[in-house]
Amino acid sequence: MGRTTLRSLVPSLRACAIVVGALILSAATGAGADNANPAPVNSLHGTKEVRLCDNQTTVRIAQNTPATRENGQHIAQALMTKWEAKNPQAAKDWVAEENEMHEVPPPADNHKLVGTGQNSTYGRVTAKDVEIWNRETYKLAVQGSQVFHSGAQLGSEIAVSCDMCHPRAANTHPETYPKFQEQLGKVALLRDMINWCIEHPVRGKRLADDDPKMKALEAYILAQRKGVALDYGRH
């Protein structure tokens, strides 16, 4: 199966204008104002706080900011700009990783199994079996991409989607889970971190473990790291 392009789904984060003056209160984004001791959401009249995945970088936006994709991009860009300023080397690595991931990779090719017998339950593998495995697996990863790139499907109240901070699932490193996550204060699975990000940067409602959207998100994120060796617990 060929590779399905996502260029129509993924706007270039670098091309987003960093025009956030109307969205972010300058009083809350001064040096150290929102990172040294972040104020609770809504503690300032008419504003709310949006927190990045690192649980430290924050911005404040007007409470009545329209939930449009354009505004969501501005919010995400403001968060990423602040994060990159604090983490210059990590930002370089993030950009390099982003540039490597432009499409959803196809699943493993299992055609070599045609004609072989797996066991008494499955019997001989046919070409049709392999095509079904390939099609259904790839479909789930592509569905995950659609959710990953849609603030609406993620239930975001501010129109932020996962790709705005993680283009093409860059800097997600699913191969390192389970691992201890400071944000959660415990060892987390990939789905735990996905839900944390949905609740905070995205400002949506967490997904159940068996939610089709959660399964699709995990499939897409894992697909984007195809070929990377598992190394659980790595930070």
Protein backbone atom coordinates (compact mmCIF):
# COMPACT_ATOMS: atom_id res chain seq x y z
CA MET A 1 0.00 0.00 0.00
CA GLY A 2 1.29 3.49 -0.84
CA ARG A 3 1.95 6.19 1.72
CA THR A 4 -0.95 8.54 2.40
CA THR A 5 0.10 12.19 2.49
CA LEU A 6 -1.03 14.41 5.34
CA ARG A 7 0.12 17.68 3.83
CA SER A 8 -3.50 18.68 3.36
CA LEU A 9 -4.14 17.95 7.04
CA VAL A 10 -1.03 19.42 8.64
CA PRO A 11 -0.53 23.19 8.37
CA SER A 12 3.08 24.24 8.74
CA LEU A 13 3.60 25.33 12.31
CA ARG A 14 6.48 27.49 11.22
CA ALA A 15 4.18 29.38 8.86
CA CYS A 16 1.77 30.35 11.62
CA ALA A 17 1.94 34.05 12.39
CA ILE A 18 2.82 34.71 15.99
CA VAL A 19 0.06 37.24 16.38
CA VAL A 20 -1.11 36.62 19.90
CA GLY A 21 -1.42 40.09 21.35
CA ALA A 22 -5.20 40.00 21.20
CA LEU A 23 -5.29 36.58 22.84
CA ILE A 24 -2.62 36.63 25.54
CA LEU A 25 -2.61 39.19 28.30
CA SER A 26 0.72 40.96 28.43
CA ALA A 27 0.42 41.31 32.18
CA ALA A 28 0.51 37.52 32.53
CA THR A 29 3.24 36.81 30.01
CA GLY A 30 5.99 38.99 31.41
CA ALA A 31 9.31 37.43 32.37
CA GLY A 32 8.61 34.60 34.79
CA ALA A 33 5.06 35.73 35.44
CA ASP A 34 3.33 32.53 34.41
CA ASN A 35 6.07 29.93 34.87
CA ALA A 36 7.54 30.74 38.29
CA ASN A 37 4.21 30.39 40.06
CA PRO A 38 1.36 29.84 37.60
CA ALA A 39 -1.95 31.26 38.75
CA PRO A 40 -4.97 28.93 38.70
CA VAL A 41 -7.22 28.99 35.69
CA ASN A 42 -9.69 31.86 35.78
CA SER A 43 -7.96 33.48 38.75
CA LEU A 44 -7.54 36.64 36.68
CA HIS A 45 -10.80 38.26 35.69
CA GLY A 46 -11.91 37.26 32.21
CA THR A 47 -8.93 35.00 31.42
CA LYS A 48 -7.96 31.36 31.51
CA GLU A 49 -4.63 29.58 31.57
CA VAL A 50 -3.41 27.13 28.95
CA ARG A 51 -0.60 24.80 30.02
CA LEU A 52 1.91 23.03 27.76
CA CYS A 53 2.75 19.32 28.06
CA ASP A 54 5.83 20.11 30.18
CA ASN A 55 3.45 21.33 32.94
CA GLN A 56 5.52 24.52 33.28
CA THR A 57 5.10 26.67 30.19
CA THR A 58 1.82 28.59 30.26
CA VAL A 59 0.00 31.44 28.58
CA ARG A 60 -3.21 33.23 29.46
CA ILE A 61 -5.93 33.94 26.95
CA ALA A 62 -9.13 35.92 27.08
CA GLN A 63 -12.02 33.90 28.47
CA ASN A 64 -14.16 34.65 25.42
CA THR A 65 -11.51 33.84 22.80
CA PRO A 66 -13.38 32.26 19.83
CA ALA A 67 -12.57 28.55 19.45
CA THR A 68 -11.29 28.72 15.88
CA ARG A 69 -8.38 26.75 14.43
CA GLU A 70 -6.56 30.00 13.69
CA ASN A 71 -6.77 31.07 17.34
CA GLY A 72 -5.77 27.57 18.41
CA GLN A 73 -2.66 27.83 16.23
CA HIS A 74 -1.78 31.19 17.77
CA ILE A 75 -2.11 29.76 21.28
CA ALA A 76 -0.03 26.69 20.46
CA GLN A 77 2.61 28.81 18.72
CA ALA A 78 2.87 31.11 21.73
CA LEU A 79 3.38 28.10 24.02
CA MET A 80 5.99 26.56 21.73
CA THR A 81 7.86 29.85 21.31
CA LYS A 82 8.21 30.17 25.08
CA TRP A 83 9.25 26.53 25.42
CA GLU A 84 11.86 26.81 22.65
CA ALA A 85 13.35 29.91 24.28
CA LYS A 86 13.92 27.91 27.49
CA ASN A 87 15.08 24.74 25.72
CA PRO A 88 17.15 25.77 22.67
CA GLN A 89 18.90 22.42 22.12
CA ALA A 90 15.71 20.41 22.60
CA ALA A 91 14.01 22.74 20.13
CA LYS A 92 16.66 21.93 17.50
CA ASP A 93 16.11 18.20 18.05
CA TRP A 94 12.34 18.71 17.81
CA VAL A 95 12.64 20.50 14.46
CA ALA A 96 14.92 17.77 13.07
CA GLU A 97 12.46 15.10 14.15
CA GLU A 98 9.53 17.02 12.69
CA ASN A 99 11.21 17.25 9.31
CA GLU A 100 11.57 13.47 9.12
CA MET A 101 7.85 12.77 9.50
CA HIS A 102 5.62 13.84 6.64
CA GLU A 103 3.31 10.85 6.15
CA VAL A 104 1.70 7.92 7.93
CA PRO A 105 4.06 4.96 7.34
CA PRO A 106 2.43 1.73 6.15
CA PRO A 107 2.27 -1.22 8.56
CA ALA A 108 4.68 -4.16 8.32
CA ASP A 109 4.51 -6.24 5.14
CA ASN A 110 3.28 -9.72 6.10
CA HIS A 111 3.08 -11.22 2.62
CA LYS A 112 5.93 -13.61 3.46
CA LEU A 113 3.48 -15.41 5.78
CA VAL A 114 1.12 -16.36 2.94
CA GLY A 115 0.86 -20.14 2.81
CA THR A 116 2.36 -20.69 6.24
CA GLY A 117 0.46 -22.14 9.16
CA GLN A 118 0.33 -20.08 12.34
CA ASN A 119 -1.41 -22.65 14.53
CA SER A 120 -4.50 -24.81 14.77
CA THR A 121 -6.68 -21.77 15.45
CA TYR A 122 -5.79 -19.68 12.42
CA GLY A 123 -4.72 -22.32 9.94
CA ARG A 124 -2.99 -21.30 6.72
CA VAL A 125 -2.43 -17.61 6.07
CA THR A 126 -3.93 -16.42 2.78
CA ALA A 127 -3.22 -13.36 0.68
CA LYS A 128 -6.67 -12.11 1.66
CA ASP A 129 -5.73 -12.40 5.35
CA VAL A 130 -2.67 -10.25 4.79
CA GLU A 131 -4.61 -7.63 2.86
CA ILE A 132 -7.21 -7.40 5.65
CA TRP A 133 -4.50 -7.04 8.30
CA ASN A 134 -2.79 -4.32 6.29
CA ARG A 135 -5.94 -2.39 5.39
CA GLU A 136 -7.51 -2.40 8.85
CA THR A 137 -4.29 -1.57 10.67
CA TYR A 138 -3.44 1.26 8.29
CA LYS A 139 -7.01 2.59 8.49
CA LEU A 140 -6.78 2.85 12.28
CA ALA A 141 -3.50 4.81 12.07
CA VAL A 142 -4.99 7.21 9.50
CA GLN A 143 -8.08 7.69 11.70
CA GLY A 144 -5.71 8.52 14.52
CA SER A 145 -4.08 11.14 12.34
CA GLN A 146 -7.46 12.72 11.72
CA VAL A 147 -8.15 12.93 15.46
CA PHE A 148 -4.61 14.15 16.17
CA HIS A 149 -5.10 17.06 13.75
CA SER A 150 -8.61 18.05 14.86
CA GLY A 151 -9.38 20.18 17.90
CA ALA A 152 -13.06 19.46 17.32
CA GLN A 153 -12.60 15.67 17.49
CA LEU A 154 -10.47 16.12 20.61
CA GLY A 155 -13.24 18.21 22.21
CA SER A 156 -10.98 21.25 22.60
CA GLU A 157 -12.72 24.32 23.99
CA ILE A 158 -9.96 26.52 22.50
CA ALA A 159 -9.54 24.73 19.11
CA VAL A 160 -6.04 23.46 19.94
CA SER A 161 -5.12 20.10 18.40
CA CYS A 162 -2.20 17.76 19.11
CA ASP A 163 -0.35 18.55 15.88
CA MET A 164 0.01 22.23 16.82
CA CYS A 165 2.68 21.30 19.38
CA HIS A 166 3.64 17.91 17.93
CA PRO A 167 3.57 18.14 14.12
CA ARG A 168 3.39 14.61 12.67
CA ALA A 169 3.60 13.29 16.25
CA ALA A 170 7.14 14.66 16.65
CA ASN A 171 8.62 14.58 20.17
CA THR A 172 6.06 12.11 21.49
CA HIS A 173 8.42 9.10 21.81
CA PRO A 174 5.87 6.34 22.41
CA GLU A 175 8.72 3.81 22.43
CA THR A 176 9.84 5.15 25.85
CA TYR A 177 6.61 4.24 27.70
CA PRO A 178 5.90 3.14 30.37
CA LYS A 179 7.99 5.69 32.26
CA PHE A 180 7.71 7.98 35.26
CA GLN A 181 6.04 11.25 34.31
CA GLU A 182 6.54 14.24 36.61
CA GLN A 183 3.26 15.77 35.42
CA LEU A 184 1.31 12.77 36.70
CA GLY A 185 3.57 11.90 39.62
CA LYS A 186 3.59 8.22 38.66
CA VAL A 187 4.64 5.72 36.02
CA ALA A 188 2.48 6.39 32.97
CA LEU A 189 1.47 4.56 29.83
CA LEU A 190 1.28 6.39 26.50
CA ARG A 191 -2.51 6.74 26.86
CA ASP A 192 -2.07 8.40 30.27
CA MET A 193 0.10 11.10 28.74
CA ILE A 194 -2.26 11.50 25.80
CA ASN A 195 -5.09 12.17 28.25
CA TRP A 196 -2.97 14.61 30.26
CA CYS A 197 -2.30 16.58 27.09
CA ILE A 198 -5.96 16.47 26.08
CA GLU A 199 -6.97 17.90 29.45
CA HIS A 200 -4.31 20.64 29.58
CA PRO A 201 -2.85 22.06 26.32
CA VAL A 202 -5.87 20.91 24.31
CA ARG A 203 -8.39 21.67 27.08
CA GLY A 204 -10.70 18.83 26.16
CA LYS A 205 -12.17 15.89 28.10
CA ARG A 206 -10.08 12.80 28.76
CA LEU A 207 -10.81 9.66 26.75
CA ALA A 208 -11.59 6.24 28.17
CA ASP A 209 -8.94 3.59 27.57
CA ASP A 210 -11.25 1.73 25.19
CA ASP A 211 -12.49 4.83 23.37
CA PRO A 212 -12.03 4.35 19.59
CA LYS A 213 -10.37 7.77 19.44
CA MET A 214 -7.81 6.77 22.07
CA LYS A 215 -6.99 3.57 20.19
CA ALA A 216 -6.65 5.52 16.95
CA LEU A 217 -4.41 8.15 18.55
CA GLU A 218 -2.11 5.48 19.95
CA ALA A 219 -1.99 3.76 16.55
CA TYR A 220 -1.04 6.98 14.75
CA ILE A 221 1.63 8.00 17.27
CA LEU A 222 3.18 4.53 17.22
CA ALA A 223 3.05 4.41 13.41
CA GLN A 224 5.02 7.64 13.23
CA ARG A 225 7.84 6.00 15.22
CA LYS A 226 8.03 2.91 13.03
CA GLY A 227 11.46 1.34 13.15
CA VAL A 228 12.54 2.95 16.43
CA ALA A 229 13.65 0.43 19.03
CA LEU A 230 11.62 0.04 22.22
CA ASP A 231 13.39 1.55 25.23
CA TYR A 232 10.84 1.83 28.02
CA GLY A 233 11.61 4.16 30.89
CA ARG A 234 13.91 6.42 28.83
CA HIS A 235 13.73 10.19 29.42
